[in-house]
Amino acid sequence: MNAEGLVEVVLPGKVEPEGLQLRHGSVPTPGPGQVVIRMEATGVSFAEQQMRRGRYYDQPAFPFVPGYDLVGQVAAVGTGVEPGLAGTRVAAVVKVGGWASHVVVDAADAVPVPDGIGAAEAETMVVNGITAWQMLHRKARIRAGQTILVHGANGGVGSVLVQLAHLAGVKVIGTASARHHDALRAQGVTPIDYRNDDIPARVRELAPDGVDAVFDHVGGKSTADSWRLLAPGGTLVSYGSASTRDDEGSKQLPVMKILGQVWLWNTLPNGRRAYFYNFWAGRGLAKNGFRARLRADLTEVFGAVQRGEITARIAAQLPLSRVVEAMKLAESGTAAGKIVLNP
């Protein structure tokens, strides 16, 4: 097995995409309870864009291997792991470490990928699918007949949110730049141009009584606008601060501001709710519960893909060796769907 050799992408410090480095080494060996996944697909997410600027609120110290999630085949199993897992295709969320040809994970964190779903297709649904599913069903608890607003409806999480919402019988208003509007209309989304339209005014025209939920990754001023657009009983789910990506100063501050707003809004007696969605919430305190939820929710999403109810949106596929190009494409804001890296 070690004859293959390990290839991984290293983020050495705060660098432009060109500063990403390729490193070669020997393939890792799984410890007790662990597996080695031979990566078939990993992705570029917003987290890595923040990490290379030193702006992700709990990133490790430089240098490190980025890569939030991956899909691949189990190449080796450690002691105490079901031997039958070897050779199967699995998905895992690791937060960092995914941009590598071989990745060690706890066997309990590897979720089986059903037959008939390709590696790249599955990859688009891992962190994005779990995030979308949990925000819709565990936080906003959407119901058929409701209307929601999805910011960045053409993005990685947004495109999955839109499809899962439609599957649940929910109407979607989505913000995106004008070039994505025709594609969104074809999916049954009412588009708003976030660059040129007055978003709150346009949403009020479309939903005079407010919307039942808003999913906001923009942060900054947008979070307050989103709260004001809620109908009575509505839910705001904030899940990022994309608008502060290039800011200097504290990387925790934008998130702390949102958390403060959320806390304050939830004390108001108006029946509306606000959440800051954190993918990793509860992992430290109740690791097994966290894993069970993650597995259950990703299995739901994979099932919907397998049945053809939702479709993977792959913007581009590039090999790890072209990670600079992949990062630039992700940061250009022109891609619709997920940018996937292959070994």
C-alpha atoms as a PDB file:
ATOM      1  CA  MET A   1       0.000   0.000   0.000  1.00  0.00           C
ATOM      2  CA  ASN A   2       2.823   2.424   0.913  1.00  0.00           C
ATOM      3  CA  ALA A   3       4.242   2.159  -2.605  1.00  0.00           C
ATOM      4  CA  GLU A   4       1.496   4.561  -3.738  1.00  0.00           C
ATOM      5  CA  GLY A   5       2.811   7.521  -1.788  1.00  0.00           C
ATOM      6  CA  LEU A   6       0.892  10.357  -0.161  1.00  0.00           C
ATOM      7  CA  VAL A   7       0.185  13.636  -1.937  1.00  0.00           C
ATOM      8  CA  GLU A   8      -1.332  16.520   0.030  1.00  0.00           C
ATOM      9  CA  VAL A   9      -1.879  20.268  -0.278  1.00  0.00           C
ATOM     10  CA  VAL A  10      -0.336  22.421   2.458  1.00  0.00           C
ATOM     11  CA  LEU A  11      -1.509  25.891   3.448  1.00  0.00           C
ATOM     12  CA  PRO A  12       1.764  27.347   4.794  1.00  0.00           C
ATOM     13  CA  GLY A  13       0.405  30.649   6.113  1.00  0.00           C
ATOM     14  CA  LYS A  14      -1.652  33.628   4.946  1.00  0.00           C
ATOM     15  CA  VAL A  15      -1.004  33.336   1.222  1.00  0.00           C
ATOM     16  CA  GLU A  16      -2.572  34.030  -2.139  1.00  0.00           C
ATOM     17  CA  PRO A  17      -3.842  30.858  -3.889  1.00  0.00           C
ATOM     18  CA  GLU A  18      -0.427  30.595  -5.612  1.00  0.00           C
ATOM     19  CA  GLY A  19       1.131  30.047  -2.182  1.00  0.00           C
ATOM     20  CA  LEU A  20      -0.544  26.639  -1.708  1.00  0.00           C
ATOM     21  CA  GLN A  21       2.092  23.888  -1.715  1.00  0.00           C
ATOM     22  CA  LEU A  22       2.086  20.224  -2.762  1.00  0.00           C
ATOM     23  CA  ARG A  23       3.825  17.841  -0.372  1.00  0.00           C
ATOM     24  CA  HIS A  24       4.723  14.177  -0.879  1.00  0.00           C
ATOM     25  CA  GLY A  25       5.138  11.578   1.838  1.00  0.00           C
ATOM     26  CA  SER A  26       4.333   8.047   2.827  1.00  0.00           C
ATOM     27  CA  VAL A  27       0.765   6.789   3.117  1.00  0.00           C
ATOM     28  CA  PRO A  28      -0.436   6.870   6.740  1.00  0.00           C
ATOM     29  CA  THR A  29      -1.319   3.731   8.698  1.00  0.00           C
ATOM     30  CA  PRO A  30      -4.645   3.514  10.559  1.00  0.00           C
ATOM     31  CA  GLY A  31      -4.542   3.276  14.357  1.00  0.00           C
ATOM     32  CA  PRO A  32      -7.075   1.345  16.467  1.00  0.00           C
ATOM     33  CA  GLY A  33     -10.631   2.269  15.475  1.00  0.00           C
ATOM     34  CA  GLN A  34      -9.421   4.164  12.405  1.00  0.00           C
ATOM     35  CA  VAL A  35      -9.537   3.744   8.634  1.00  0.00           C
ATOM     36  CA  VAL A  36      -7.423   5.166   5.808  1.00  0.00           C
ATOM     37  CA  ILE A  37      -9.568   6.590   3.009  1.00  0.00           C
ATOM     38  CA  ARG A  38      -8.042   6.730  -0.462  1.00  0.00           C
ATOM     39  CA  MET A  39      -9.539  10.044  -1.540  1.00  0.00           C
ATOM     40  CA  GLU A  40     -11.559  10.068  -4.778  1.00  0.00           C
ATOM     41  CA  ALA A  41     -13.109  13.532  -4.374  1.00  0.00           C
ATOM     42  CA  THR A  42     -12.738  16.457  -1.993  1.00  0.00           C
ATOM     43  CA  GLY A  43     -14.060  19.993  -2.405  1.00  0.00           C
ATOM     44  CA  VAL A  44     -13.267  23.680  -2.164  1.00  0.00           C
ATOM     45  CA  SER A  45     -15.636  25.308   0.314  1.00  0.00           C
ATOM     46  CA  PHE A  46     -15.939  28.816   1.716  1.00  0.00           C
ATOM     47  CA  ALA A  47     -14.055  27.654   4.829  1.00  0.00           C
ATOM     48  CA  GLU A  48     -10.795  27.221   2.888  1.00  0.00           C
ATOM     49  CA  GLN A  49     -11.192  30.657   1.337  1.00  0.00           C
ATOM     50  CA  GLN A  50     -11.356  32.091   4.854  1.00  0.00           C
ATOM     51  CA  MET A  51      -8.561  29.855   6.177  1.00  0.00           C
ATOM     52  CA  ARG A  52      -6.003  31.042   3.613  1.00  0.00           C
ATOM     53  CA  ARG A  53      -6.654  34.586   4.871  1.00  0.00           C
ATOM     54  CA  GLY A  54      -6.405  33.434   8.499  1.00  0.00           C
ATOM     55  CA  ARG A  55     -10.090  34.385   8.869  1.00  0.00           C
ATOM     56  CA  TYR A  56     -11.773  31.080   9.797  1.00  0.00           C
ATOM     57  CA  TYR A  57     -12.788  31.449  13.428  1.00  0.00           C
ATOM     58  CA  ASP A  58     -11.281  28.210  14.797  1.00  0.00           C
ATOM     59  CA  GLN A  59      -8.700  27.156  12.226  1.00  0.00           C
ATOM     60  CA  PRO A  60      -5.522  25.387  13.398  1.00  0.00           C
ATOM     61  CA  ALA A  61      -2.088  27.042  13.433  1.00  0.00           C
ATOM     62  CA  PHE A  62      -0.274  27.241  10.069  1.00  0.00           C
ATOM     63  CA  PRO A  63       0.995  25.177   8.318  1.00  0.00           C
ATOM     64  CA  PHE A  64      -1.783  22.605   7.851  1.00  0.00           C
ATOM     65  CA  VAL A  65      -3.566  20.578   5.181  1.00  0.00           C
ATOM     66  CA  PRO A  66      -6.992  22.126   4.416  1.00  0.00           C
ATOM     67  CA  GLY A  67     -10.019  20.249   3.064  1.00  0.00           C
ATOM     68  CA  TYR A  68     -13.340  20.142   4.893  1.00  0.00           C
ATOM     69  CA  ASP A  69     -14.778  16.880   3.602  1.00  0.00           C
ATOM     70  CA  LEU A  70     -13.991  13.997   1.284  1.00  0.00           C
ATOM     71  CA  VAL A  71     -15.314  10.877  -0.404  1.00  0.00           C
ATOM     72  CA  GLY A  72     -13.212   7.826  -1.189  1.00  0.00           C
ATOM     73  CA  GLN A  73     -12.581   4.119  -0.782  1.00  0.00           C
ATOM     74  CA  VAL A  74     -11.465   2.568   2.483  1.00  0.00           C
ATOM     75  CA  ALA A  75      -7.909   1.442   1.698  1.00  0.00           C
ATOM     76  CA  ALA A  76      -6.987   0.042   5.127  1.00  0.00           C
ATOM     77  CA  VAL A  77      -8.676  -0.594   8.491  1.00  0.00           C
ATOM     78  CA  GLY A  78      -7.165  -0.479  11.980  1.00  0.00           C
ATOM     79  CA  THR A  79      -7.702  -2.947  14.788  1.00  0.00           C
ATOM     80  CA  GLY A  80     -11.239  -3.104  16.115  1.00  0.00           C
ATOM     81  CA  VAL A  81     -12.744  -1.985  12.794  1.00  0.00           C
ATOM     82  CA  GLU A  82     -15.119  -4.202  10.800  1.00  0.00           C
ATOM     83  CA  PRO A  83     -12.798  -5.739   8.122  1.00  0.00           C
ATOM     84  CA  GLY A  84     -15.668  -5.689   5.584  1.00  0.00           C
ATOM     85  CA  LEU A  85     -15.387  -1.876   5.488  1.00  0.00           C
ATOM     86  CA  ALA A  86     -12.222  -2.203   3.341  1.00  0.00           C
ATOM     87  CA  GLY A  87     -12.930  -1.432  -0.305  1.00  0.00           C
ATOM     88  CA  THR A  88     -16.231   0.354   0.377  1.00  0.00           C
ATOM     89  CA  ARG A  89     -16.935   3.964  -0.643  1.00  0.00           C
ATOM     90  CA  VAL A  90     -17.457   6.329   2.292  1.00  0.00           C
ATOM     91  CA  ALA A  91     -17.833  10.046   3.005  1.00  0.00           C
ATOM     92  CA  ALA A  92     -16.334  11.923   5.943  1.00  0.00           C
ATOM     93  CA  VAL A  93     -16.279  15.469   7.305  1.00  0.00           C
ATOM     94  CA  VAL A  94     -12.886  16.366   8.775  1.00  0.00           C
ATOM     95  CA  LYS A  95     -12.809  20.228   8.796  1.00  0.00           C
ATOM     96  CA  VAL A  96      -9.107  20.103   7.831  1.00  0.00           C
ATOM     97  CA  GLY A  97      -6.990  17.411   6.174  1.00  0.00           C
ATOM     98  CA  GLY A  98      -9.216  16.466   3.232  1.00  0.00           C
ATOM     99  CA  TRP A  99      -6.970  17.818   0.452  1.00  0.00           C
ATOM    100  CA  ALA A 100      -4.812  14.699   0.411  1.00  0.00           C
ATOM    101  CA  SER A 101      -4.621  11.458  -1.539  1.00  0.00           C
ATOM    102  CA  HIS A 102      -4.987   9.415   1.696  1.00  0.00           C
ATOM    103  CA  VAL A 103      -6.738  10.541   4.872  1.00  0.00           C
ATOM    104  CA  VAL A 104      -6.989   8.863   8.289  1.00  0.00           C
ATOM    105  CA  VAL A 105     -10.375   9.150  10.041  1.00  0.00           C
ATOM    106  CA  ASP A 106     -12.130   7.420  12.912  1.00  0.00           C
ATOM    107  CA  ALA A 107     -14.193   4.584  11.450  1.00  0.00           C
ATOM    108  CA  ALA A 108     -17.218   5.988  13.322  1.00  0.00           C
ATOM    109  CA  ASP A 109     -16.959   9.170  11.218  1.00  0.00           C
ATOM    110  CA  ALA A 110     -17.081   7.346   7.863  1.00  0.00           C
ATOM    111  CA  VAL A 111     -20.596   7.320   6.354  1.00  0.00           C
ATOM    112  CA  PRO A 112     -21.338   4.770   3.595  1.00  0.00           C
ATOM    113  CA  VAL A 113     -22.093   6.189   0.143  1.00  0.00           C
ATOM    114  CA  PRO A 114     -24.960   4.255  -1.500  1.00  0.00           C
ATOM    115  CA  ASP A 115     -24.392   2.377  -4.761  1.00  0.00           C
ATOM    116  CA  GLY A 116     -25.059   4.368  -7.894  1.00  0.00           C
ATOM    117  CA  ILE A 117     -23.725   7.682  -6.568  1.00  0.00           C
ATOM    118  CA  GLY A 118     -20.366   8.731  -8.028  1.00  0.00           C
ATOM    119  CA  ALA A 119     -17.577  10.092  -5.832  1.00  0.00           C
ATOM    120  CA  ALA A 120     -17.771  13.684  -7.151  1.00  0.00           C
ATOM    121  CA  GLU A 121     -21.560  13.620  -6.974  1.00  0.00           C
ATOM    122  CA  ALA A 122     -21.430  12.415  -3.359  1.00  0.00           C
ATOM    123  CA  GLU A 123     -18.776  15.003  -2.474  1.00  0.00           C
ATOM    124  CA  THR A 124     -21.049  17.914  -3.426  1.00  0.00           C
ATOM    125  CA  MET A 125     -23.548  16.653  -0.845  1.00  0.00           C
ATOM    126  CA  VAL A 126     -21.351  15.983   2.195  1.00  0.00           C
ATOM    127  CA  VAL A 127     -20.831  19.178   4.195  1.00  0.00           C
ATOM    128  CA  ASN A 128     -23.249  21.124   1.953  1.00  0.00           C
ATOM    129  CA  GLY A 129     -25.961  18.465   2.201  1.00  0.00           C
ATOM    130  CA  ILE A 130     -25.703  18.012   5.961  1.00  0.00           C
ATOM    131  CA  THR A 131     -25.669  21.805   6.466  1.00  0.00           C
ATOM    132  CA  ALA A 132     -28.710  22.353   4.213  1.00  0.00           C
ATOM    133  CA  TRP A 133     -30.666  19.455   5.732  1.00  0.00           C
ATOM    134  CA  GLN A 134     -29.995  20.465   9.329  1.00  0.00           C
ATOM    135  CA  MET A 135     -30.784  24.144   8.750  1.00  0.00           C
ATOM    136  CA  LEU A 136     -34.057  23.348   6.968  1.00  0.00           C
ATOM    137  CA  HIS A 137     -35.316  20.502   9.120  1.00  0.00           C
ATOM    138  CA  ARG A 138     -33.589  20.782  12.502  1.00  0.00           C
ATOM    139  CA  LYS A 139     -33.464  24.594  12.857  1.00  0.00           C
ATOM    140  CA  ALA A 140     -36.165  26.203  10.669  1.00  0.00           C
ATOM    141  CA  ARG A 141     -38.436  23.104  10.741  1.00  0.00           C
ATOM    142  CA  ILE A 142     -39.914  24.079   7.380  1.00  0.00           C
ATOM    143  CA  ARG A 143     -43.365  22.857   6.339  1.00  0.00           C
ATOM    144  CA  ALA A 144     -45.085  22.459   2.962  1.00  0.00           C
ATOM    145  CA  GLY A 145     -46.675  25.676   1.691  1.00  0.00           C
ATOM    146  CA  GLN A 146     -44.182  27.998   3.370  1.00  0.00           C
ATOM    147  CA  THR A 147     -41.994  30.581   1.609  1.00  0.00           C
ATOM    148  CA  ILE A 148     -38.292  30.991   2.358  1.00  0.00           C
ATOM    149  CA  LEU A 149     -35.452  33.305   1.307  1.00  0.00           C
ATOM    150  CA  VAL A 150     -32.119  31.677   0.440  1.00  0.00           C
ATOM    151  CA  HIS A 151     -29.103  33.969   0.059  1.00  0.00           C
ATOM    152  CA  GLY A 152     -26.586  32.707  -2.513  1.00  0.00           C
ATOM    153  CA  ALA A 153     -29.117  30.299  -4.018  1.00  0.00           C
ATOM    154  CA  ASN A 154     -26.615  29.175  -6.693  1.00  0.00           C
ATOM    155  CA  GLY A 155     -23.779  28.412  -4.258  1.00  0.00           C
ATOM    156  CA  GLY A 156     -22.632  25.142  -2.754  1.00  0.00           C
ATOM    157  CA  VAL A 157     -24.983  25.119   0.238  1.00  0.00           C
ATOM    158  CA  GLY A 158     -27.614  27.318  -1.458  1.00  0.00           C
ATOM    159  CA  SER A 159     -28.129  25.000  -4.428  1.00  0.00           C
ATOM    160  CA  VAL A 160     -28.752  22.029  -2.098  1.00  0.00           C
ATOM    161  CA  LEU A 161     -31.001  24.134   0.176  1.00  0.00           C
ATOM    162  CA  VAL A 162     -33.147  25.110  -2.806  1.00  0.00           C
ATOM    163  CA  GLN A 163     -33.636  21.512  -3.927  1.00  0.00           C
ATOM    164  CA  LEU A 164     -34.360  20.122  -0.454  1.00  0.00           C
ATOM    165  CA  ALA A 165     -36.832  22.966   0.169  1.00  0.00           C
ATOM    166  CA  HIS A 166     -38.702  22.214  -3.073  1.00  0.00           C
ATOM    167  CA  LEU A 167     -38.732  18.533  -2.145  1.00  0.00           C
ATOM    168  CA  ALA A 168     -40.498  19.550   1.082  1.00  0.00           C
ATOM    169  CA  GLY A 169     -43.115  21.607  -0.825  1.00  0.00           C
ATOM    170  CA  VAL A 170     -41.673  25.019   0.080  1.00  0.00           C
ATOM    171  CA  LYS A 171     -41.540  28.098  -2.213  1.00  0.00           C
ATOM    172  CA  VAL A 172     -38.086  29.656  -2.630  1.00  0.00           C
ATOM    173  CA  ILE A 173     -36.948  33.236  -3.249  1.00  0.00           C
ATOM    174  CA  GLY A 174     -33.206  33.235  -3.934  1.00  0.00           C
ATOM    175  CA  THR A 175     -30.513  35.892  -4.213  1.00  0.00           C
ATOM    176  CA  ALA A 176     -27.768  35.488  -6.824  1.00  0.00           C
ATOM    177  CA  SER A 177     -25.963  37.586  -9.403  1.00  0.00           C
ATOM    178  CA  ALA A 178     -27.967  38.162 -12.589  1.00  0.00           C
ATOM    179  CA  ARG A 179     -26.034  35.605 -14.682  1.00  0.00           C
ATOM    180  CA  HIS A 180     -27.474  32.768 -12.538  1.00  0.00           C
ATOM    181  CA  HIS A 181     -31.123  33.919 -12.728  1.00  0.00           C
ATOM    182  CA  ASP A 182     -32.222  31.847 -15.727  1.00  0.00           C
ATOM    183  CA  ALA A 183     -30.847  28.678 -14.145  1.00  0.00           C
ATOM    184  CA  LEU A 184     -32.625  29.510 -10.868  1.00  0.00           C
ATOM    185  CA  ARG A 185     -35.933  30.213 -12.647  1.00  0.00           C
ATOM    186  CA  ALA A 186     -35.613  26.819 -14.350  1.00  0.00           C
ATOM    187  CA  GLN A 187     -35.440  25.305 -10.846  1.00  0.00           C
ATOM    188  CA  GLY A 188     -38.587  27.133  -9.753  1.00  0.00           C
ATOM    189  CA  VAL A 189     -36.775  29.811  -7.730  1.00  0.00           C
ATOM    190  CA  THR A 190     -37.845  33.471  -7.844  1.00  0.00           C
ATOM    191  CA  PRO A 191     -34.457  35.226  -8.240  1.00  0.00           C
ATOM    192  CA  ILE A 192     -33.313  38.564  -6.803  1.00  0.00           C
ATOM    193  CA  ASP A 193     -30.140  40.292  -8.019  1.00  0.00           C
ATOM    194  CA  TYR A 194     -28.158  40.916  -4.836  1.00  0.00           C
ATOM    195  CA  ARG A 195     -25.842  43.349  -6.632  1.00  0.00           C
ATOM    196  CA  ASN A 196     -28.451  45.683  -8.115  1.00  0.00           C
ATOM    197  CA  ASP A 197     -31.794  45.062  -6.393  1.00  0.00           C
ATOM    198  CA  ASP A 198     -32.933  46.426  -3.040  1.00  0.00           C
ATOM    199  CA  ILE A 199     -33.264  42.952  -1.493  1.00  0.00           C
ATOM    200  CA  PRO A 200     -35.602  43.824   1.435  1.00  0.00           C
ATOM    201  CA  ALA A 201     -37.925  45.869  -0.828  1.00  0.00           C
ATOM    202  CA  ARG A 202     -38.035  43.110  -3.446  1.00  0.00           C
ATOM    203  CA  VAL A 203     -38.758  40.402  -0.845  1.00  0.00           C
ATOM    204  CA  ARG A 204     -41.586  42.568   0.588  1.00  0.00           C
ATOM    205  CA  GLU A 205     -43.120  42.780  -2.901  1.00  0.00           C
ATOM    206  CA  LEU A 206     -42.988  39.009  -3.273  1.00  0.00           C
ATOM    207  CA  ALA A 207     -44.009  38.157   0.304  1.00  0.00           C
ATOM    208  CA  PRO A 208     -45.887  41.131   1.798  1.00  0.00           C
ATOM    209  CA  ASP A 209     -46.379  39.398   5.157  1.00  0.00           C
ATOM    210  CA  GLY A 210     -42.742  38.311   5.359  1.00  0.00           C
ATOM    211  CA  VAL A 211     -41.067  34.952   4.736  1.00  0.00           C
ATOM    212  CA  ASP A 212     -41.201  31.895   6.983  1.00  0.00           C
ATOM    213  CA  ALA A 213     -37.434  31.434   7.064  1.00  0.00           C
ATOM    214  CA  VAL A 214     -34.258  33.147   5.847  1.00  0.00           C
ATOM    215  CA  PHE A 215     -30.942  31.333   5.340  1.00  0.00           C
ATOM    216  CA  ASP A 216     -28.143  33.917   5.481  1.00  0.00           C
ATOM    217  CA  HIS A 217     -24.420  33.249   5.005  1.00  0.00           C
ATOM    218  CA  VAL A 218     -23.662  36.892   4.201  1.00  0.00           C
ATOM    219  CA  GLY A 219     -23.452  38.340   7.718  1.00  0.00           C
ATOM    220  CA  GLY A 220     -22.832  42.021   8.443  1.00  0.00           C
ATOM    221  CA  LYS A 221     -25.772  44.292   7.600  1.00  0.00           C
ATOM    222  CA  SER A 222     -27.571  41.438   5.814  1.00  0.00           C
ATOM    223  CA  THR A 223     -28.274  39.594   9.085  1.00  0.00           C
ATOM    224  CA  ALA A 224     -30.397  42.462  10.446  1.00  0.00           C
ATOM    225  CA  ASP A 225     -32.206  42.868   7.095  1.00  0.00           C
ATOM    226  CA  SER A 226     -32.950  39.127   7.104  1.00  0.00           C
ATOM    227  CA  TRP A 227     -34.430  39.285  10.622  1.00  0.00           C
ATOM    228  CA  ARG A 228     -36.745  42.143   9.614  1.00  0.00           C
ATOM    229  CA  LEU A 229     -38.059  40.129   6.623  1.00  0.00           C
ATOM    230  CA  LEU A 230     -39.438  37.311   8.801  1.00  0.00           C
ATOM    231  CA  ALA A 231     -43.162  36.704   9.067  1.00  0.00           C
ATOM    232  CA  PRO A 232     -44.562  36.224  12.581  1.00  0.00           C
ATOM    233  CA  GLY A 233     -43.320  32.853  13.807  1.00  0.00           C
ATOM    234  CA  GLY A 234     -40.510  32.880  11.220  1.00  0.00           C
ATOM    235  CA  THR A 235     -36.939  31.664  11.674  1.00  0.00           C
ATOM    236  CA  LEU A 236     -33.617  33.245  10.721  1.00  0.00           C
ATOM    237  CA  VAL A 237     -30.731  30.816  10.270  1.00  0.00           C
ATOM    238  CA  SER A 238     -27.407  32.640   9.968  1.00  0.00           C
ATOM    239  CA  TYR A 239     -24.531  30.401   8.975  1.00  0.00           C
ATOM    240  CA  GLY A 240     -21.577  32.599   8.092  1.00  0.00           C
ATOM    241  CA  SER A 241     -20.172  36.016   7.434  1.00  0.00           C
ATOM    242  CA  ALA A 242     -19.132  36.015   3.781  1.00  0.00           C
ATOM    243  CA  SER A 243     -19.326  39.816   3.616  1.00  0.00           C
ATOM    244  CA  THR A 244     -16.403  40.099   6.078  1.00  0.00           C
ATOM    245  CA  ARG A 245     -14.171  37.572   4.264  1.00  0.00           C
ATOM    246  CA  ASP A 246     -11.576  40.177   3.273  1.00  0.00           C
ATOM    247  CA  ASP A 247     -11.719  42.277   6.466  1.00  0.00           C
ATOM    248  CA  GLU A 248      -8.665  42.755   8.657  1.00  0.00           C
ATOM    249  CA  GLY A 249      -8.770  42.446  12.447  1.00  0.00           C
ATOM    250  CA  SER A 250     -10.295  39.785  14.667  1.00  0.00           C
ATOM    251  CA  LYS A 251     -11.581  36.697  12.868  1.00  0.00           C
ATOM    252  CA  GLN A 252     -13.902  35.956  15.811  1.00  0.00           C
ATOM    253  CA  LEU A 253     -15.561  39.396  15.831  1.00  0.00           C
ATOM    254  CA  PRO A 254     -17.995  38.948  12.880  1.00  0.00           C
ATOM    255  CA  VAL A 255     -19.276  35.686  14.406  1.00  0.00           C
ATOM    256  CA  MET A 256     -19.451  37.188  17.919  1.00  0.00           C
ATOM    257  CA  LYS A 257     -21.521  40.091  16.539  1.00  0.00           C
ATOM    258  CA  ILE A 258     -23.990  37.662  14.924  1.00  0.00           C
ATOM    259  CA  LEU A 259     -24.171  35.576  18.124  1.00  0.00           C
ATOM    260  CA  GLY A 260     -24.912  38.764  20.090  1.00  0.00           C
ATOM    261  CA  GLN A 261     -27.684  39.769  17.680  1.00  0.00           C
ATOM    262  CA  VAL A 262     -29.166  36.267  17.753  1.00  0.00           C
ATOM    263  CA  TRP A 263     -29.184  36.217  21.563  1.00  0.00           C
ATOM    264  CA  LEU A 264     -30.864  39.625  21.694  1.00  0.00           C
ATOM    265  CA  TRP A 265     -33.504  38.803  19.068  1.00  0.00           C
ATOM    266  CA  ASN A 266     -34.428  35.577  20.849  1.00  0.00           C
ATOM    267  CA  THR A 267     -35.281  37.579  23.990  1.00  0.00           C
ATOM    268  CA  LEU A 268     -37.914  39.596  22.085  1.00  0.00           C
ATOM    269  CA  PRO A 269     -41.533  38.475  22.607  1.00  0.00           C
ATOM    270  CA  ASN A 270     -42.525  38.366  18.926  1.00  0.00           C
ATOM    271  CA  GLY A 271     -42.574  34.615  18.247  1.00  0.00           C
ATOM    272  CA  ARG A 272     -39.688  34.774  15.785  1.00  0.00           C
ATOM    273  CA  ARG A 273     -36.513  32.771  16.288  1.00  0.00           C
ATOM    274  CA  ALA A 274     -32.898  33.252  15.253  1.00  0.00           C
ATOM    275  CA  TYR A 275     -30.069  30.734  15.153  1.00  0.00           C
ATOM    276  CA  PHE A 276     -26.401  30.834  14.303  1.00  0.00           C
ATOM    277  CA  TYR A 277     -25.852  27.452  12.683  1.00  0.00           C
ATOM    278  CA  ASN A 278     -22.537  25.857  13.624  1.00  0.00           C
ATOM    279  CA  PHE A 279     -21.881  22.551  11.869  1.00  0.00           C
ATOM    280  CA  TRP A 280     -19.756  21.322  14.801  1.00  0.00           C
ATOM    281  CA  ALA A 281     -22.122  22.292  17.635  1.00  0.00           C
ATOM    282  CA  GLY A 282     -22.386  19.517  20.217  1.00  0.00           C
ATOM    283  CA  ARG A 283     -19.425  17.493  18.959  1.00  0.00           C
ATOM    284  CA  GLY A 284     -17.357  18.118  22.093  1.00  0.00           C
ATOM    285  CA  LEU A 285     -20.094  17.340  24.614  1.00  0.00           C
ATOM    286  CA  ALA A 286     -21.933  14.481  22.968  1.00  0.00           C
ATOM    287  CA  LYS A 287     -19.708  13.047  20.255  1.00  0.00           C
ATOM    288  CA  ASN A 288     -21.854   9.971  19.650  1.00  0.00           C
ATOM    289  CA  GLY A 289     -25.065  11.997  19.360  1.00  0.00           C
ATOM    290  CA  PHE A 290     -23.324  14.365  16.958  1.00  0.00           C
ATOM    291  CA  ARG A 291     -22.125  11.448  14.828  1.00  0.00           C
ATOM    292  CA  ALA A 292     -25.551   9.793  14.843  1.00  0.00           C
ATOM    293  CA  ARG A 293     -27.244  13.026  13.661  1.00  0.00           C
ATOM    294  CA  LEU A 294     -24.613  13.595  10.976  1.00  0.00           C
ATOM    295  CA  ARG A 295     -24.936  10.026   9.707  1.00  0.00           C
ATOM    296  CA  ALA A 296     -28.752  10.143   9.740  1.00  0.00           C
ATOM    297  CA  ASP A 297     -28.930  13.492   7.922  1.00  0.00           C
ATOM    298  CA  LEU A 298     -26.316  12.642   5.286  1.00  0.00           C
ATOM    299  CA  THR A 299     -28.051   9.296   4.704  1.00  0.00           C
ATOM    300  CA  GLU A 300     -31.332  11.210   4.074  1.00  0.00           C
ATOM    301  CA  VAL A 301     -29.570  13.471   1.559  1.00  0.00           C
ATOM    302  CA  PHE A 302     -27.824  10.573  -0.201  1.00  0.00           C
ATOM    303  CA  GLY A 303     -31.186   8.777  -0.405  1.00  0.00           C
ATOM    304  CA  ALA A 304     -32.728  11.790  -2.146  1.00  0.00           C
ATOM    305  CA  VAL A 305     -29.813  11.824  -4.633  1.00  0.00           C
ATOM    306  CA  GLN A 306     -30.125   8.091  -5.241  1.00  0.00           C
ATOM    307  CA  ARG A 307     -33.865   8.479  -5.961  1.00  0.00           C
ATOM    308  CA  GLY A 308     -33.145  11.337  -8.377  1.00  0.00           C
ATOM    309  CA  GLU A 309     -35.082  13.838  -6.229  1.00  0.00           C
ATOM    310  CA  ILE A 310     -32.091  16.166  -5.950  1.00  0.00           C
ATOM    311  CA  THR A 311     -29.148  16.586  -8.296  1.00  0.00           C
ATOM    312  CA  ALA A 312     -25.483  17.203  -7.546  1.00  0.00           C
ATOM    313  CA  ARG A 313     -24.293  20.531  -8.929  1.00  0.00           C
ATOM    314  CA  ILE A 314     -20.634  20.135  -9.900  1.00  0.00           C
ATOM    315  CA  ALA A 315     -19.153  23.418 -11.100  1.00  0.00           C
ATOM    316  CA  ALA A 316     -15.784  21.912 -12.077  1.00  0.00           C
ATOM    317  CA  GLN A 317     -13.486  18.970 -11.364  1.00  0.00           C
ATOM    318  CA  LEU A 318      -9.720  19.491 -11.141  1.00  0.00           C
ATOM    319  CA  PRO A 319      -6.855  17.330  -9.870  1.00  0.00           C
ATOM    320  CA  LEU A 320      -5.162  18.194  -6.532  1.00  0.00           C
ATOM    321  CA  SER A 321      -2.129  19.347  -8.539  1.00  0.00           C
ATOM    322  CA  ARG A 322      -4.281  22.186  -9.937  1.00  0.00           C
ATOM    323  CA  VAL A 323      -5.553  23.353  -6.545  1.00  0.00           C
ATOM    324  CA  VAL A 324      -4.409  26.946  -7.253  1.00  0.00           C
ATOM    325  CA  GLU A 325      -6.742  27.116 -10.250  1.00  0.00           C
ATOM    326  CA  ALA A 326      -9.559  25.502  -8.226  1.00  0.00           C
ATOM    327  CA  MET A 327      -9.173  28.021  -5.392  1.00  0.00           C
ATOM    328  CA  LYS A 328      -9.185  30.977  -7.791  1.00  0.00           C
ATOM    329  CA  LEU A 329     -12.299  29.655  -9.499  1.00  0.00           C
ATOM    330  CA  ALA A 330     -14.049  29.207  -6.135  1.00  0.00           C
ATOM    331  CA  GLU A 331     -13.152  32.737  -5.094  1.00  0.00           C
ATOM    332  CA  SER A 332     -14.216  34.294  -8.402  1.00  0.00           C
ATOM    333  CA  GLY A 333     -17.889  33.878  -7.483  1.00  0.00           C
ATOM    334  CA  THR A 334     -18.647  32.735 -11.040  1.00  0.00           C
ATOM    335  CA  ALA A 335     -19.085  29.012 -10.350  1.00  0.00           C
ATOM    336  CA  ALA A 336     -22.526  27.470  -9.830  1.00  0.00           C
ATOM    337  CA  GLY A 337     -22.318  24.507  -7.469  1.00  0.00           C
ATOM    338  CA  LYS A 338     -19.294  22.779  -5.970  1.00  0.00           C
ATOM    339  CA  ILE A 339     -15.693  22.762  -7.162  1.00  0.00           C
ATOM    340  CA  VAL A 340     -14.376  19.230  -6.724  1.00  0.00           C
ATOM    341  CA  LEU A 341     -10.747  18.140  -6.416  1.00  0.00           C
ATOM    342  CA  ASN A 342      -9.710  14.649  -7.515  1.00  0.00           C
ATOM    343  CA  PRO A 343      -6.441  12.890  -6.602  1.00  0.00           C
END
